[in-house]
Amino acid sequence: MVIPAGLPSTQQLILAEKLANGRMTMKEILTVRFSQLEGTGPGLS
């Protein structure tokens, strides 16, 4: 799973993987900045 994590101004894109033995690993991939969606188009509320 790839997820953005952190505060709005300092987010990291993180790769989270579950290994065969049940353990989780997380690796920071790169710095990102996601913005909040705006509008009321199809699929948005």
N, C-alpha and C. Protein backbone atom coordinates (compact mmCIF):
# COMPACT_ATOMS: atom_id res chain seq x y z
N MET A 1 0.85 -1.15 0.00
CA MET A 1 0.00 0.00 0.00
C MET A 1 0.91 1.22 0.00
N VAL A 2 0.54 2.23 -0.77
CA VAL A 2 1.28 3.48 -0.81
C VAL A 2 0.37 4.56 -0.26
N ILE A 3 0.84 5.29 0.77
CA ILE A 3 0.00 6.30 1.43
C ILE A 3 0.80 7.57 1.71
N PRO A 4 0.13 8.73 1.66
CA PRO A 4 0.78 9.96 2.12
C PRO A 4 0.62 10.03 3.63
N ALA A 5 1.66 10.44 4.34
CA ALA A 5 1.59 10.53 5.80
C ALA A 5 2.31 11.79 6.26
N GLY A 6 1.78 12.40 7.30
CA GLY A 6 2.42 13.58 7.87
C GLY A 6 1.47 14.77 7.88
N LEU A 7 2.02 15.90 8.28
CA LEU A 7 1.26 17.14 8.31
C LEU A 7 1.07 17.66 6.89
N PRO A 8 0.06 18.52 6.65
CA PRO A 8 -0.17 19.00 5.28
C PRO A 8 1.05 19.65 4.62
N SER A 9 1.90 20.29 5.40
CA SER A 9 3.06 20.97 4.81
C SER A 9 4.30 20.09 4.71
N THR A 10 4.32 18.95 5.36
CA THR A 10 5.51 18.08 5.34
C THR A 10 5.10 16.61 5.26
N GLN A 11 4.60 16.19 4.10
CA GLN A 11 4.15 14.82 3.92
C GLN A 11 5.20 13.98 3.21
N GLN A 12 5.21 12.70 3.53
CA GLN A 12 6.07 11.72 2.88
C GLN A 12 5.17 10.68 2.23
N LEU A 13 5.52 10.22 1.04
CA LEU A 13 4.84 9.10 0.42
C LEU A 13 5.50 7.85 0.97
N ILE A 14 4.72 6.98 1.59
CA ILE A 14 5.27 5.81 2.29
C ILE A 14 4.75 4.53 1.64
N LEU A 15 5.66 3.59 1.42
CA LEU A 15 5.32 2.26 0.94
C LEU A 15 5.24 1.34 2.14
N ALA A 16 4.05 0.78 2.41
CA ALA A 16 3.86 -0.15 3.52
C ALA A 16 3.60 -1.54 2.93
N GLU A 17 4.38 -2.51 3.38
CA GLU A 17 4.25 -3.88 2.87
C GLU A 17 4.12 -4.84 4.03
N LYS A 18 3.28 -5.85 3.85
CA LYS A 18 3.15 -6.92 4.84
C LYS A 18 3.94 -8.12 4.32
N LEU A 19 4.89 -8.59 5.11
CA LEU A 19 5.73 -9.71 4.71
C LEU A 19 5.02 -11.03 4.96
N ALA A 20 5.54 -12.12 4.39
CA ALA A 20 4.95 -13.44 4.54
C ALA A 20 4.87 -13.88 6.01
N ASN A 21 5.80 -13.40 6.84
CA ASN A 21 5.81 -13.78 8.25
C ASN A 21 4.87 -12.92 9.10
N GLY A 22 4.11 -12.00 8.45
CA GLY A 22 3.15 -11.16 9.15
C GLY A 22 3.68 -9.81 9.59
N ARG A 23 4.99 -9.60 9.51
CA ARG A 23 5.58 -8.31 9.90
C ARG A 23 5.31 -7.26 8.83
N MET A 24 5.29 -6.01 9.27
CA MET A 24 5.09 -4.88 8.37
C MET A 24 6.41 -4.14 8.17
N THR A 25 6.64 -3.67 6.94
CA THR A 25 7.78 -2.80 6.68
C THR A 25 7.24 -1.51 6.09
N MET A 26 7.92 -0.41 6.40
CA MET A 26 7.54 0.89 5.84
C MET A 26 8.79 1.58 5.33
N LYS A 27 8.67 2.15 4.13
CA LYS A 27 9.81 2.82 3.50
C LYS A 27 9.33 4.16 2.96
N GLU A 28 10.01 5.25 3.35
CA GLU A 28 9.70 6.57 2.81
C GLU A 28 10.21 6.64 1.38
N ILE A 29 9.32 7.01 0.45
CA ILE A 29 9.69 7.03 -0.96
C ILE A 29 10.13 8.43 -1.38
N LEU A 30 9.28 9.44 -1.12
CA LEU A 30 9.64 10.81 -1.48
C LEU A 30 8.73 11.80 -0.76
N THR A 31 9.16 13.05 -0.76
CA THR A 31 8.37 14.13 -0.16
C THR A 31 7.26 14.52 -1.13
N VAL A 32 6.03 14.68 -0.61
CA VAL A 32 4.89 15.05 -1.44
C VAL A 32 4.07 16.12 -0.73
N ARG A 33 3.16 16.71 -1.47
CA ARG A 33 2.21 17.66 -0.87
C ARG A 33 0.88 17.46 -1.58
N PHE A 34 -0.09 16.93 -0.85
CA PHE A 34 -1.43 16.74 -1.38
C PHE A 34 -2.29 17.90 -0.91
N SER A 35 -3.20 18.35 -1.76
CA SER A 35 -4.11 19.43 -1.38
C SER A 35 -5.50 18.86 -1.18
N GLN A 36 -6.31 19.57 -0.44
CA GLN A 36 -7.67 19.17 -0.18
C GLN A 36 -8.50 19.36 -1.44
N LEU A 37 -9.37 18.38 -1.76
CA LEU A 37 -10.24 18.50 -2.92
C LEU A 37 -11.27 19.59 -2.70
N GLU A 38 -11.56 20.32 -3.74
CA GLU A 38 -12.57 21.37 -3.68
C GLU A 38 -13.56 21.19 -4.82
N GLY A 39 -14.77 21.66 -4.63
CA GLY A 39 -15.77 21.59 -5.70
C GLY A 39 -16.87 20.61 -5.38
N THR A 40 -17.83 20.55 -6.30
CA THR A 40 -18.98 19.66 -6.11
C THR A 40 -19.27 18.89 -7.37
N GLY A 41 -18.27 18.54 -8.13
CA GLY A 41 -18.46 17.77 -9.35
C GLY A 41 -18.87 16.34 -9.04
N PRO A 42 -19.07 15.52 -10.07
CA PRO A 42 -19.47 14.11 -9.87
C PRO A 42 -18.49 13.39 -8.95
N GLY A 43 -19.03 12.71 -7.96
CA GLY A 43 -18.18 11.95 -7.04
C GLY A 43 -17.61 12.76 -5.91
N LEU A 44 -17.82 14.06 -5.89
CA LEU A 44 -17.30 14.91 -4.81
C LEU A 44 -18.45 15.38 -3.94
N SER A 45 -18.18 15.47 -2.66
CA SER A 45 -19.24 15.99 -1.77
C SER A 45 -18.68 17.00 -0.81
